[in-house]
Amino acid sequence: MKPDALLTGLAAGAATALLFAGLVVQSPGAVGLALAAPIPVLLASLGWGSKSGFLAAITAFIAVSAFVGSVLGGLTILLSVGLPAAIVGHVAGLARPVGDPQVPTLDWFPVRRILFAIAALIAAACIGLGWLSGYDPAEVGTVMTQALQTQSAETGVSPEQIEEFTRFAVTASPFVLPAFLVVTMVVCLYLSAAIVRLSGRLPRPKDDLPATATLPRVALPVFALALAACFAPGAMGLLGAVVTGAFASAFTLAGLAAIHRRTRGRAARGLLLFTAYAAILLLSFPLLAFMVLGLFETAKPPAAPASPA
């Protein structure tokens, strides 16, 4: 590894640890900083190579473990941020030479597989963190109910309403958290690629995301099996919920990309996109329609190549 890549990996790991450390020690306002924690690792991986990215992940693990005095704290950042970001940066930088051996062109790892990798990595990270922390929905529900009941006197919320909200939150969190983390990782990857491209260190050409942001067809049976597993009791149901949430988010992003592609060249494109995103922010349920569109885009056969004239 070159000295600049080594130093960049160490610095990126330290930056990721600083962004994430507030969340480990439960500092106020730390969530916003923790959401940006994958960016330094991705910057190192995309701009200085995969080895630099993995070094950044290991450095963040060591730094957080030393800071909080707990290996569990280090494993938390390694599984949730460092390792997924390093792997995503690695696959985004993969390419193979094709064509003329004398003057080959590079065939880059396709966007659809990067999106699949992000969904799979986030699902695996959430499952690993749940196993490490001994996640128990009943225990989480009890703690949440007790915390809300201490404030019920001030808010005037009845115990029945608190219990109903707690049940909904505990049921929804295995779906919502992976879905949110998939979006976070995608946004961090996009921002990191843009930053490295501006610096001139990104070898990968700019992708046409509306045209390429789909999922491989293998994602369909994975999603179907996970959705079926959601109805199983106990740990199997939790595993299914986590995978379903992660891939539902990926399919939704594919559906949004399809809207951007299908509205190209239309006079009212800006109004259509504004209406779509405003409906998502205000109503939320249109996300289901975009997820279905993403499923359709994934399931349809690829377009046949144009025949030569």
C-alpha atoms as a PDB file:
ATOM      1  CA  MET A   1       0.000   0.000   0.000  1.00  0.00           C
ATOM      2  CA  LYS A   2       1.336   3.432  -0.921  1.00  0.00           C
ATOM      3  CA  PRO A   3       2.077   5.875   1.910  1.00  0.00           C
ATOM      4  CA  ASP A   4      -0.683   8.290   0.851  1.00  0.00           C
ATOM      5  CA  ALA A   5      -3.243   5.464   0.775  1.00  0.00           C
ATOM      6  CA  LEU A   6      -2.058   4.291   4.195  1.00  0.00           C
ATOM      7  CA  LEU A   7      -2.352   7.754   5.729  1.00  0.00           C
ATOM      8  CA  THR A   8      -5.716   8.330   4.065  1.00  0.00           C
ATOM      9  CA  GLY A   9      -7.079   5.054   5.450  1.00  0.00           C
ATOM     10  CA  LEU A  10      -5.931   5.914   8.980  1.00  0.00           C
ATOM     11  CA  ALA A  11      -7.355   9.435   8.771  1.00  0.00           C
ATOM     12  CA  ALA A  12     -10.642   8.209   7.288  1.00  0.00           C
ATOM     13  CA  GLY A  13     -11.013   5.615  10.039  1.00  0.00           C
ATOM     14  CA  ALA A  14     -10.412   8.263  12.701  1.00  0.00           C
ATOM     15  CA  ALA A  15     -13.007  10.542  11.063  1.00  0.00           C
ATOM     16  CA  THR A  16     -15.563   7.739  10.918  1.00  0.00           C
ATOM     17  CA  ALA A  17     -14.917   6.916  14.573  1.00  0.00           C
ATOM     18  CA  LEU A  18     -15.444  10.561  15.567  1.00  0.00           C
ATOM     19  CA  LEU A  19     -18.700  10.765  13.628  1.00  0.00           C
ATOM     20  CA  PHE A  20     -19.972   7.537  15.191  1.00  0.00           C
ATOM     21  CA  ALA A  21     -18.620   7.924  18.733  1.00  0.00           C
ATOM     22  CA  GLY A  22     -21.375  10.280  19.823  1.00  0.00           C
ATOM     23  CA  LEU A  23     -23.971   7.647  19.007  1.00  0.00           C
ATOM     24  CA  VAL A  24     -22.109   5.020  21.040  1.00  0.00           C
ATOM     25  CA  VAL A  25     -22.008   7.254  24.120  1.00  0.00           C
ATOM     26  CA  GLN A  26     -25.577   8.462  23.441  1.00  0.00           C
ATOM     27  CA  SER A  27     -24.638  12.107  22.913  1.00  0.00           C
ATOM     28  CA  PRO A  28     -27.481  14.509  21.971  1.00  0.00           C
ATOM     29  CA  GLY A  29     -27.639  15.219  18.262  1.00  0.00           C
ATOM     30  CA  ALA A  30     -25.294  12.344  17.453  1.00  0.00           C
ATOM     31  CA  VAL A  31     -27.677  10.615  15.053  1.00  0.00           C
ATOM     32  CA  GLY A  32     -27.154  13.206  12.326  1.00  0.00           C
ATOM     33  CA  LEU A  33     -23.379  12.856  12.511  1.00  0.00           C
ATOM     34  CA  ALA A  34     -23.560   9.063  12.626  1.00  0.00           C
ATOM     35  CA  LEU A  35     -25.515   9.021   9.354  1.00  0.00           C
ATOM     36  CA  ALA A  36     -22.476  10.540   7.624  1.00  0.00           C
ATOM     37  CA  ALA A  37     -20.057   8.039   9.179  1.00  0.00           C
ATOM     38  CA  PRO A  38     -19.763   5.848   6.018  1.00  0.00           C
ATOM     39  CA  ILE A  39     -18.529   8.787   3.925  1.00  0.00           C
ATOM     40  CA  PRO A  40     -14.861   8.833   5.085  1.00  0.00           C
ATOM     41  CA  VAL A  41     -14.528   5.076   4.498  1.00  0.00           C
ATOM     42  CA  LEU A  42     -16.112   5.397   1.057  1.00  0.00           C
ATOM     43  CA  LEU A  43     -13.865   8.345   0.177  1.00  0.00           C
ATOM     44  CA  ALA A  44     -10.777   6.331   1.087  1.00  0.00           C
ATOM     45  CA  SER A  45     -11.947   3.273  -0.848  1.00  0.00           C
ATOM     46  CA  LEU A  46     -13.078   5.091  -3.997  1.00  0.00           C
ATOM     47  CA  GLY A  47     -10.153   7.489  -4.192  1.00  0.00           C
ATOM     48  CA  TRP A  48      -7.214   5.528  -2.771  1.00  0.00           C
ATOM     49  CA  GLY A  49      -8.201   1.903  -3.299  1.00  0.00           C
ATOM     50  CA  SER A  50      -9.997  -0.890  -1.507  1.00  0.00           C
ATOM     51  CA  LYS A  51      -7.126  -1.551   0.884  1.00  0.00           C
ATOM     52  CA  SER A  52      -7.355   2.007   2.145  1.00  0.00           C
ATOM     53  CA  GLY A  53     -11.099   1.580   2.704  1.00  0.00           C
ATOM     54  CA  PHE A  54     -10.700  -1.632   4.679  1.00  0.00           C
ATOM     55  CA  LEU A  55      -7.890  -0.037   6.696  1.00  0.00           C
ATOM     56  CA  ALA A  56     -10.268   2.829   7.507  1.00  0.00           C
ATOM     57  CA  ALA A  57     -12.886   0.337   8.735  1.00  0.00           C
ATOM     58  CA  ILE A  58     -10.358  -1.442  10.976  1.00  0.00           C
ATOM     59  CA  THR A  59      -9.029   1.880  12.276  1.00  0.00           C
ATOM     60  CA  ALA A  60     -12.552   3.002  13.184  1.00  0.00           C
ATOM     61  CA  PHE A  61     -13.129  -0.296  15.010  1.00  0.00           C
ATOM     62  CA  ILE A  62      -9.934   0.087  17.040  1.00  0.00           C
ATOM     63  CA  ALA A  63     -10.558   3.771  17.788  1.00  0.00           C
ATOM     64  CA  VAL A  64     -14.123   3.284  19.039  1.00  0.00           C
ATOM     65  CA  SER A  65     -13.173   0.190  21.048  1.00  0.00           C
ATOM     66  CA  ALA A  66     -10.410   2.174  22.775  1.00  0.00           C
ATOM     67  CA  PHE A  67     -12.601   5.260  23.256  1.00  0.00           C
ATOM     68  CA  VAL A  68     -15.518   3.477  24.943  1.00  0.00           C
ATOM     69  CA  GLY A  69     -13.407   0.708  26.474  1.00  0.00           C
ATOM     70  CA  SER A  70     -15.558  -1.986  24.917  1.00  0.00           C
ATOM     71  CA  VAL A  71     -14.978  -4.329  21.997  1.00  0.00           C
ATOM     72  CA  LEU A  72     -18.759  -4.433  21.549  1.00  0.00           C
ATOM     73  CA  GLY A  73     -18.739  -0.719  20.784  1.00  0.00           C
ATOM     74  CA  GLY A  74     -16.047  -1.290  18.165  1.00  0.00           C
ATOM     75  CA  LEU A  75     -17.949  -4.187  16.648  1.00  0.00           C
ATOM     76  CA  THR A  76     -21.006  -1.953  16.434  1.00  0.00           C
ATOM     77  CA  ILE A  77     -19.260   0.537  14.148  1.00  0.00           C
ATOM     78  CA  LEU A  78     -17.459  -2.215  12.241  1.00  0.00           C
ATOM     79  CA  LEU A  79     -20.637  -4.134  11.408  1.00  0.00           C
ATOM     80  CA  SER A  80     -22.990  -1.206  10.882  1.00  0.00           C
ATOM     81  CA  VAL A  81     -20.716   1.283   9.120  1.00  0.00           C
ATOM     82  CA  GLY A  82     -17.087   0.348   8.507  1.00  0.00           C
ATOM     83  CA  LEU A  83     -17.282  -3.075   6.898  1.00  0.00           C
ATOM     84  CA  PRO A  84     -20.390  -2.415   4.735  1.00  0.00           C
ATOM     85  CA  ALA A  85     -18.930   0.885   3.482  1.00  0.00           C
ATOM     86  CA  ALA A  86     -15.560  -0.729   2.718  1.00  0.00           C
ATOM     87  CA  ILE A  87     -17.201  -3.580   0.795  1.00  0.00           C
ATOM     88  CA  VAL A  88     -19.484  -1.197  -1.114  1.00  0.00           C
ATOM     89  CA  GLY A  89     -16.501   0.963  -2.026  1.00  0.00           C
ATOM     90  CA  HIS A  90     -14.631  -2.150  -3.143  1.00  0.00           C
ATOM     91  CA  VAL A  91     -17.384  -3.440  -5.439  1.00  0.00           C
ATOM     92  CA  ALA A  92     -17.982   0.045  -6.862  1.00  0.00           C
ATOM     93  CA  GLY A  93     -14.338   0.097  -7.937  1.00  0.00           C
ATOM     94  CA  LEU A  94     -14.338  -3.321  -9.600  1.00  0.00           C
ATOM     95  CA  ALA A  95     -13.799  -3.432 -13.365  1.00  0.00           C
ATOM     96  CA  ARG A  96     -12.627  -5.925 -15.965  1.00  0.00           C
ATOM     97  CA  PRO A  97     -10.971  -5.271 -19.322  1.00  0.00           C
ATOM     98  CA  VAL A  98     -13.035  -6.138 -22.396  1.00  0.00           C
ATOM     99  CA  GLY A  99     -12.582  -5.774 -26.103  1.00  0.00           C
ATOM    100  CA  ASP A 100      -9.245  -5.334 -27.844  1.00  0.00           C
ATOM    101  CA  PRO A 101      -6.426  -6.694 -25.631  1.00  0.00           C
ATOM    102  CA  GLN A 102      -4.117  -3.989 -26.964  1.00  0.00           C
ATOM    103  CA  VAL A 103      -6.497  -1.145 -26.082  1.00  0.00           C
ATOM    104  CA  PRO A 104      -9.044  -2.669 -23.697  1.00  0.00           C
ATOM    105  CA  THR A 105     -12.050  -0.834 -22.306  1.00  0.00           C
ATOM    106  CA  LEU A 106     -13.193  -1.336 -18.749  1.00  0.00           C
ATOM    107  CA  ASP A 107     -16.495  -2.993 -17.925  1.00  0.00           C
ATOM    108  CA  TRP A 108     -17.400  -1.600 -14.495  1.00  0.00           C
ATOM    109  CA  PHE A 109     -19.339  -3.453 -11.816  1.00  0.00           C
ATOM    110  CA  PRO A 110     -22.969  -2.662 -12.699  1.00  0.00           C
ATOM    111  CA  VAL A 111     -25.071  -0.324 -10.579  1.00  0.00           C
ATOM    112  CA  ARG A 112     -27.820  -2.921 -10.185  1.00  0.00           C
ATOM    113  CA  ARG A 113     -25.404  -5.282  -8.443  1.00  0.00           C
ATOM    114  CA  ILE A 114     -24.045  -2.491  -6.259  1.00  0.00           C
ATOM    115  CA  LEU A 115     -27.604  -1.747  -5.112  1.00  0.00           C
ATOM    116  CA  PHE A 116     -28.166  -5.454  -4.445  1.00  0.00           C
ATOM    117  CA  ALA A 117     -24.914  -5.599  -2.465  1.00  0.00           C
ATOM    118  CA  ILE A 118     -25.959  -2.597  -0.363  1.00  0.00           C
ATOM    119  CA  ALA A 119     -29.323  -4.170   0.510  1.00  0.00           C
ATOM    120  CA  ALA A 120     -27.723  -7.521   1.358  1.00  0.00           C
ATOM    121  CA  LEU A 121     -24.948  -5.929   3.440  1.00  0.00           C
ATOM    122  CA  ILE A 122     -27.346  -3.728   5.414  1.00  0.00           C
ATOM    123  CA  ALA A 123     -29.608  -6.705   6.121  1.00  0.00           C
ATOM    124  CA  ALA A 124     -26.623  -8.769   7.281  1.00  0.00           C
ATOM    125  CA  ALA A 125     -25.346  -5.875   9.419  1.00  0.00           C
ATOM    126  CA  CYS A 126     -28.712  -5.432  11.153  1.00  0.00           C
ATOM    127  CA  ILE A 127     -28.965  -9.166  11.811  1.00  0.00           C
ATOM    128  CA  GLY A 128     -25.423  -9.265  13.186  1.00  0.00           C
ATOM    129  CA  LEU A 129     -26.010  -6.265  15.450  1.00  0.00           C
ATOM    130  CA  GLY A 130     -29.265  -7.754  16.689  1.00  0.00           C
ATOM    131  CA  TRP A 131     -27.481 -10.987  17.547  1.00  0.00           C
ATOM    132  CA  LEU A 132     -24.630  -9.171  19.304  1.00  0.00           C
ATOM    133  CA  SER A 133     -26.962  -7.023  21.381  1.00  0.00           C
ATOM    134  CA  GLY A 134     -29.342  -9.888  22.188  1.00  0.00           C
ATOM    135  CA  TYR A 135     -32.305  -8.063  20.639  1.00  0.00           C
ATOM    136  CA  ASP A 136     -35.588  -9.076  22.264  1.00  0.00           C
ATOM    137  CA  PRO A 137     -38.780  -7.372  21.004  1.00  0.00           C
ATOM    138  CA  ALA A 138     -40.607  -7.985  24.293  1.00  0.00           C
ATOM    139  CA  GLU A 139     -37.800  -6.421  26.311  1.00  0.00           C
ATOM    140  CA  VAL A 140     -37.547  -3.457  23.953  1.00  0.00           C
ATOM    141  CA  GLY A 141     -41.302  -2.949  24.177  1.00  0.00           C
ATOM    142  CA  THR A 142     -41.201  -3.004  27.972  1.00  0.00           C
ATOM    143  CA  VAL A 143     -38.386  -0.450  28.152  1.00  0.00           C
ATOM    144  CA  MET A 144     -40.100   1.816  25.645  1.00  0.00           C
ATOM    145  CA  THR A 145     -43.421   1.607  27.486  1.00  0.00           C
ATOM    146  CA  GLN A 146     -41.792   2.485  30.798  1.00  0.00           C
ATOM    147  CA  ALA A 147     -39.952   5.427  29.245  1.00  0.00           C
ATOM    148  CA  LEU A 148     -43.128   6.793  27.664  1.00  0.00           C
ATOM    149  CA  GLN A 149     -45.199   6.294  30.794  1.00  0.00           C
ATOM    150  CA  THR A 150     -42.863   8.564  32.765  1.00  0.00           C
ATOM    151  CA  GLN A 151     -43.855  11.372  30.404  1.00  0.00           C
ATOM    152  CA  SER A 152     -47.531  10.504  30.112  1.00  0.00           C
ATOM    153  CA  ALA A 153     -48.502  12.797  32.984  1.00  0.00           C
ATOM    154  CA  GLU A 154     -47.173  15.814  31.103  1.00  0.00           C
ATOM    155  CA  THR A 155     -48.561  14.871  27.690  1.00  0.00           C
ATOM    156  CA  GLY A 156     -51.880  13.488  28.828  1.00  0.00           C
ATOM    157  CA  VAL A 157     -51.494  10.292  26.807  1.00  0.00           C
ATOM    158  CA  SER A 158     -53.385   7.305  28.168  1.00  0.00           C
ATOM    159  CA  PRO A 159     -51.627   4.010  29.011  1.00  0.00           C
ATOM    160  CA  GLU A 160     -53.658   2.277  26.291  1.00  0.00           C
ATOM    161  CA  GLN A 161     -52.361   4.704  23.658  1.00  0.00           C
ATOM    162  CA  ILE A 162     -48.801   4.193  24.879  1.00  0.00           C
ATOM    163  CA  GLU A 163     -49.104   0.416  24.636  1.00  0.00           C
ATOM    164  CA  GLU A 164     -50.612   0.660  21.154  1.00  0.00           C
ATOM    165  CA  PHE A 165     -47.813   2.950  19.962  1.00  0.00           C
ATOM    166  CA  THR A 166     -45.180   0.698  21.517  1.00  0.00           C
ATOM    167  CA  ARG A 167     -46.560  -2.383  19.769  1.00  0.00           C
ATOM    168  CA  PHE A 168     -46.534  -0.542  16.449  1.00  0.00           C
ATOM    169  CA  ALA A 169     -42.968   0.762  16.950  1.00  0.00           C
ATOM    170  CA  VAL A 170     -41.595  -2.648  17.968  1.00  0.00           C
ATOM    171  CA  THR A 171     -43.327  -4.323  15.022  1.00  0.00           C
ATOM    172  CA  ALA A 172     -42.257  -1.719  12.474  1.00  0.00           C
ATOM    173  CA  SER A 173     -38.639  -1.184  13.546  1.00  0.00           C
ATOM    174  CA  PRO A 174     -37.238  -4.414  11.959  1.00  0.00           C
ATOM    175  CA  PHE A 175     -38.659  -3.188   8.634  1.00  0.00           C
ATOM    176  CA  VAL A 176     -37.981   0.540   8.940  1.00  0.00           C
ATOM    177  CA  LEU A 177     -34.411   0.547  10.272  1.00  0.00           C
ATOM    178  CA  PRO A 178     -32.858  -1.547   7.455  1.00  0.00           C
ATOM    179  CA  ALA A 179     -34.859   0.406   4.864  1.00  0.00           C
ATOM    180  CA  PHE A 180     -33.583   3.701   6.250  1.00  0.00           C
ATOM    181  CA  LEU A 181     -29.987   2.457   6.413  1.00  0.00           C
ATOM    182  CA  VAL A 182     -30.107   1.313   2.778  1.00  0.00           C
ATOM    183  CA  VAL A 183     -31.140   4.823   1.709  1.00  0.00           C
ATOM    184  CA  THR A 184     -28.429   6.302   3.936  1.00  0.00           C
ATOM    185  CA  MET A 185     -25.714   4.118   2.404  1.00  0.00           C
ATOM    186  CA  VAL A 186     -26.876   4.909  -1.142  1.00  0.00           C
ATOM    187  CA  VAL A 187     -26.830   8.655  -0.430  1.00  0.00           C
ATOM    188  CA  CYS A 188     -23.391   8.407   1.201  1.00  0.00           C
ATOM    189  CA  LEU A 189     -22.048   6.470  -1.800  1.00  0.00           C
ATOM    190  CA  TYR A 190     -23.448   9.043  -4.221  1.00  0.00           C
ATOM    191  CA  LEU A 191     -21.972  11.979  -2.280  1.00  0.00           C
ATOM    192  CA  SER A 192     -18.619  10.231  -1.839  1.00  0.00           C
ATOM    193  CA  ALA A 193     -18.367   9.428  -5.547  1.00  0.00           C
ATOM    194  CA  ALA A 194     -19.190  13.031  -6.417  1.00  0.00           C
ATOM    195  CA  ILE A 195     -16.509  14.351  -4.049  1.00  0.00           C
ATOM    196  CA  VAL A 196     -13.820  11.943  -5.295  1.00  0.00           C
ATOM    197  CA  ARG A 197     -14.772  12.677  -8.915  1.00  0.00           C
ATOM    198  CA  LEU A 198     -14.264  16.409  -8.308  1.00  0.00           C
ATOM    199  CA  SER A 199     -10.807  15.653  -6.939  1.00  0.00           C
ATOM    200  CA  GLY A 200      -9.953  13.750 -10.125  1.00  0.00           C
ATOM    201  CA  ARG A 201      -9.183  10.505  -8.268  1.00  0.00           C
ATOM    202  CA  LEU A 202     -12.268   8.500  -9.271  1.00  0.00           C
ATOM    203  CA  PRO A 203     -11.440   6.183 -12.194  1.00  0.00           C
ATOM    204  CA  ARG A 204     -15.042   5.031 -12.634  1.00  0.00           C
ATOM    205  CA  PRO A 205     -16.984   7.154 -15.155  1.00  0.00           C
ATOM    206  CA  LYS A 206     -20.204   8.793 -14.072  1.00  0.00           C
ATOM    207  CA  ASP A 207     -23.120   6.348 -14.230  1.00  0.00           C
ATOM    208  CA  ASP A 208     -26.472   7.164 -15.774  1.00  0.00           C
ATOM    209  CA  LEU A 209     -28.359   6.283 -12.581  1.00  0.00           C
ATOM    210  CA  PRO A 210     -31.939   6.658 -13.897  1.00  0.00           C
ATOM    211  CA  ALA A 211     -31.094   4.167 -16.661  1.00  0.00           C
ATOM    212  CA  THR A 212     -29.024   1.720 -14.604  1.00  0.00           C
ATOM    213  CA  ALA A 213     -30.372   1.843 -11.023  1.00  0.00           C
ATOM    214  CA  THR A 214     -32.341  -1.394 -11.024  1.00  0.00           C
ATOM    215  CA  LEU A 215     -31.780  -4.714  -9.265  1.00  0.00           C
ATOM    216  CA  PRO A 216     -30.700  -8.107 -10.633  1.00  0.00           C
ATOM    217  CA  ARG A 217     -33.583 -10.537 -11.044  1.00  0.00           C
ATOM    218  CA  VAL A 218     -32.244 -12.743  -8.247  1.00  0.00           C
ATOM    219  CA  ALA A 219     -33.487 -10.044  -5.866  1.00  0.00           C
ATOM    220  CA  LEU A 220     -37.069 -11.071  -6.640  1.00  0.00           C
ATOM    221  CA  PRO A 221     -36.970 -14.572  -5.062  1.00  0.00           C
ATOM    222  CA  VAL A 222     -34.884 -13.204  -2.173  1.00  0.00           C
ATOM    223  CA  PHE A 223     -37.559 -10.603  -1.484  1.00  0.00           C
ATOM    224  CA  ALA A 224     -40.384 -13.136  -1.876  1.00  0.00           C
ATOM    225  CA  LEU A 225     -38.795 -15.606   0.552  1.00  0.00           C
ATOM    226  CA  ALA A 226     -38.094 -12.843   3.074  1.00  0.00           C
ATOM    227  CA  LEU A 227     -41.657 -11.586   2.817  1.00  0.00           C
ATOM    228  CA  ALA A 228     -43.000 -15.085   3.429  1.00  0.00           C
ATOM    229  CA  ALA A 229     -40.657 -15.497   6.416  1.00  0.00           C
ATOM    230  CA  CYS A 230     -42.166 -12.376   8.009  1.00  0.00           C
ATOM    231  CA  PHE A 231     -45.253 -14.414   8.904  1.00  0.00           C
ATOM    232  CA  ALA A 232     -43.203 -16.985  10.832  1.00  0.00           C
ATOM    233  CA  PRO A 233     -43.016 -16.622  14.610  1.00  0.00           C
ATOM    234  CA  GLY A 234     -39.930 -15.753  16.631  1.00  0.00           C
ATOM    235  CA  ALA A 235     -36.464 -15.216  15.204  1.00  0.00           C
ATOM    236  CA  MET A 236     -37.412 -16.364  11.704  1.00  0.00           C
ATOM    237  CA  GLY A 237     -40.031 -13.632  11.485  1.00  0.00           C
ATOM    238  CA  LEU A 238     -37.505 -11.014  12.617  1.00  0.00           C
ATOM    239  CA  LEU A 239     -34.966 -12.175  10.043  1.00  0.00           C
ATOM    240  CA  GLY A 240     -37.587 -12.007   7.320  1.00  0.00           C
ATOM    241  CA  ALA A 241     -38.624  -8.514   8.400  1.00  0.00           C
ATOM    242  CA  VAL A 242     -35.046  -7.210   8.265  1.00  0.00           C
ATOM    243  CA  VAL A 243     -34.369  -8.612   4.781  1.00  0.00           C
ATOM    244  CA  THR A 244     -37.781  -7.461   3.551  1.00  0.00           C
ATOM    245  CA  GLY A 245     -37.179  -3.916   4.780  1.00  0.00           C
ATOM    246  CA  ALA A 246     -33.739  -3.697   3.178  1.00  0.00           C
ATOM    247  CA  PHE A 247     -34.827  -5.010  -0.222  1.00  0.00           C
ATOM    248  CA  ALA A 248     -38.112  -3.090  -0.183  1.00  0.00           C
ATOM    249  CA  SER A 249     -36.054   0.076   0.155  1.00  0.00           C
ATOM    250  CA  ALA A 250     -33.806  -0.981  -2.744  1.00  0.00           C
ATOM    251  CA  PHE A 251     -36.820  -1.721  -4.960  1.00  0.00           C
ATOM    252  CA  THR A 252     -38.298   1.668  -4.036  1.00  0.00           C
ATOM    253  CA  LEU A 253     -35.094   3.418  -5.095  1.00  0.00           C
ATOM    254  CA  ALA A 254     -35.230   1.481  -8.374  1.00  0.00           C
ATOM    255  CA  GLY A 255     -38.812   2.684  -8.847  1.00  0.00           C
ATOM    256  CA  LEU A 256     -37.789   6.294  -8.244  1.00  0.00           C
ATOM    257  CA  ALA A 257     -34.977   5.905 -10.774  1.00  0.00           C
ATOM    258  CA  ALA A 258     -37.519   4.598 -13.288  1.00  0.00           C
ATOM    259  CA  ILE A 259     -39.651   7.718 -12.800  1.00  0.00           C
ATOM    260  CA  HIS A 260     -36.629   9.900 -13.534  1.00  0.00           C
ATOM    261  CA  ARG A 261     -35.911   7.884 -16.680  1.00  0.00           C
ATOM    262  CA  ARG A 262     -39.480   7.742 -17.950  1.00  0.00           C
ATOM    263  CA  THR A 263     -40.029  11.486 -17.551  1.00  0.00           C
ATOM    264  CA  ARG A 264     -36.956  12.478 -19.560  1.00  0.00           C
ATOM    265  CA  GLY A 265     -37.802  14.848 -22.378  1.00  0.00           C
ATOM    266  CA  ARG A 266     -41.273  15.649 -21.041  1.00  0.00           C
ATOM    267  CA  ALA A 267     -42.263  19.284 -20.742  1.00  0.00           C
ATOM    268  CA  ALA A 268     -43.757  18.801 -17.272  1.00  0.00           C
ATOM    269  CA  ARG A 269     -40.892  16.667 -15.933  1.00  0.00           C
ATOM    270  CA  GLY A 270     -40.027  19.055 -13.116  1.00  0.00           C
ATOM    271  CA  LEU A 271     -43.640  19.265 -11.951  1.00  0.00           C
ATOM    272  CA  LEU A 272     -44.079  15.490 -12.109  1.00  0.00           C
ATOM    273  CA  LEU A 273     -40.947  14.810 -10.052  1.00  0.00           C
ATOM    274  CA  PHE A 274     -41.826  17.545  -7.551  1.00  0.00           C
ATOM    275  CA  THR A 275     -45.308  16.085  -7.123  1.00  0.00           C
ATOM    276  CA  ALA A 276     -43.927  12.577  -6.639  1.00  0.00           C
ATOM    277  CA  TYR A 277     -41.433  13.571  -3.951  1.00  0.00           C
ATOM    278  CA  ALA A 278     -43.902  15.909  -2.243  1.00  0.00           C
ATOM    279  CA  ALA A 279     -46.416  13.047  -2.052  1.00  0.00           C
ATOM    280  CA  ILE A 280     -43.757  10.836  -0.469  1.00  0.00           C
ATOM    281  CA  LEU A 281     -42.857  13.446   2.146  1.00  0.00           C
ATOM    282  CA  LEU A 282     -46.455  14.312   2.997  1.00  0.00           C
ATOM    283  CA  LEU A 283     -48.213  10.955   2.686  1.00  0.00           C
ATOM    284  CA  SER A 284     -45.528   8.230   2.795  1.00  0.00           C
ATOM    285  CA  PHE A 285     -47.777   5.550   1.282  1.00  0.00           C
ATOM    286  CA  PRO A 286     -46.757   6.466  -2.326  1.00  0.00           C
ATOM    287  CA  LEU A 287     -43.500   4.692  -1.447  1.00  0.00           C
ATOM    288  CA  LEU A 288     -45.469   1.460  -1.891  1.00  0.00           C
ATOM    289  CA  ALA A 289     -46.323   2.436  -5.470  1.00  0.00           C
ATOM    290  CA  PHE A 290     -42.670   3.143  -6.253  1.00  0.00           C
ATOM    291  CA  MET A 291     -41.656  -0.163  -4.690  1.00  0.00           C
ATOM    292  CA  VAL A 292     -44.118  -1.966  -6.980  1.00  0.00           C
ATOM    293  CA  LEU A 293     -42.689  -0.051  -9.929  1.00  0.00           C
ATOM    294  CA  GLY A 294     -39.213  -1.137  -8.878  1.00  0.00           C
ATOM    295  CA  LEU A 295     -40.390  -4.749  -8.723  1.00  0.00           C
ATOM    296  CA  PHE A 296     -41.856  -4.401 -12.207  1.00  0.00           C
ATOM    297  CA  GLU A 297     -38.644  -2.867 -13.577  1.00  0.00           C
ATOM    298  CA  THR A 298     -36.660  -5.755 -12.114  1.00  0.00           C
ATOM    299  CA  ALA A 299     -39.026  -8.461 -13.346  1.00  0.00           C
ATOM    300  CA  LYS A 300     -39.399  -7.273 -16.931  1.00  0.00           C
ATOM    301  CA  PRO A 301     -37.075  -8.886 -19.482  1.00  0.00           C
ATOM    302  CA  PRO A 302     -34.123  -6.787 -20.631  1.00  0.00           C
ATOM    303  CA  ALA A 303     -34.591  -4.829 -23.808  1.00  0.00           C
ATOM    304  CA  ALA A 304     -33.363  -6.605 -26.913  1.00  0.00           C
ATOM    305  CA  PRO A 305     -30.367  -4.989 -28.569  1.00  0.00           C
ATOM    306  CA  ALA A 306     -31.120  -2.956 -31.645  1.00  0.00           C
ATOM    307  CA  SER A 307     -30.540  -4.820 -34.907  1.00  0.00           C
ATOM    308  CA  PRO A 308     -27.958  -3.312 -37.241  1.00  0.00           C
ATOM    309  CA  ALA A 309     -29.301  -1.290 -40.122  1.00  0.00           C
END
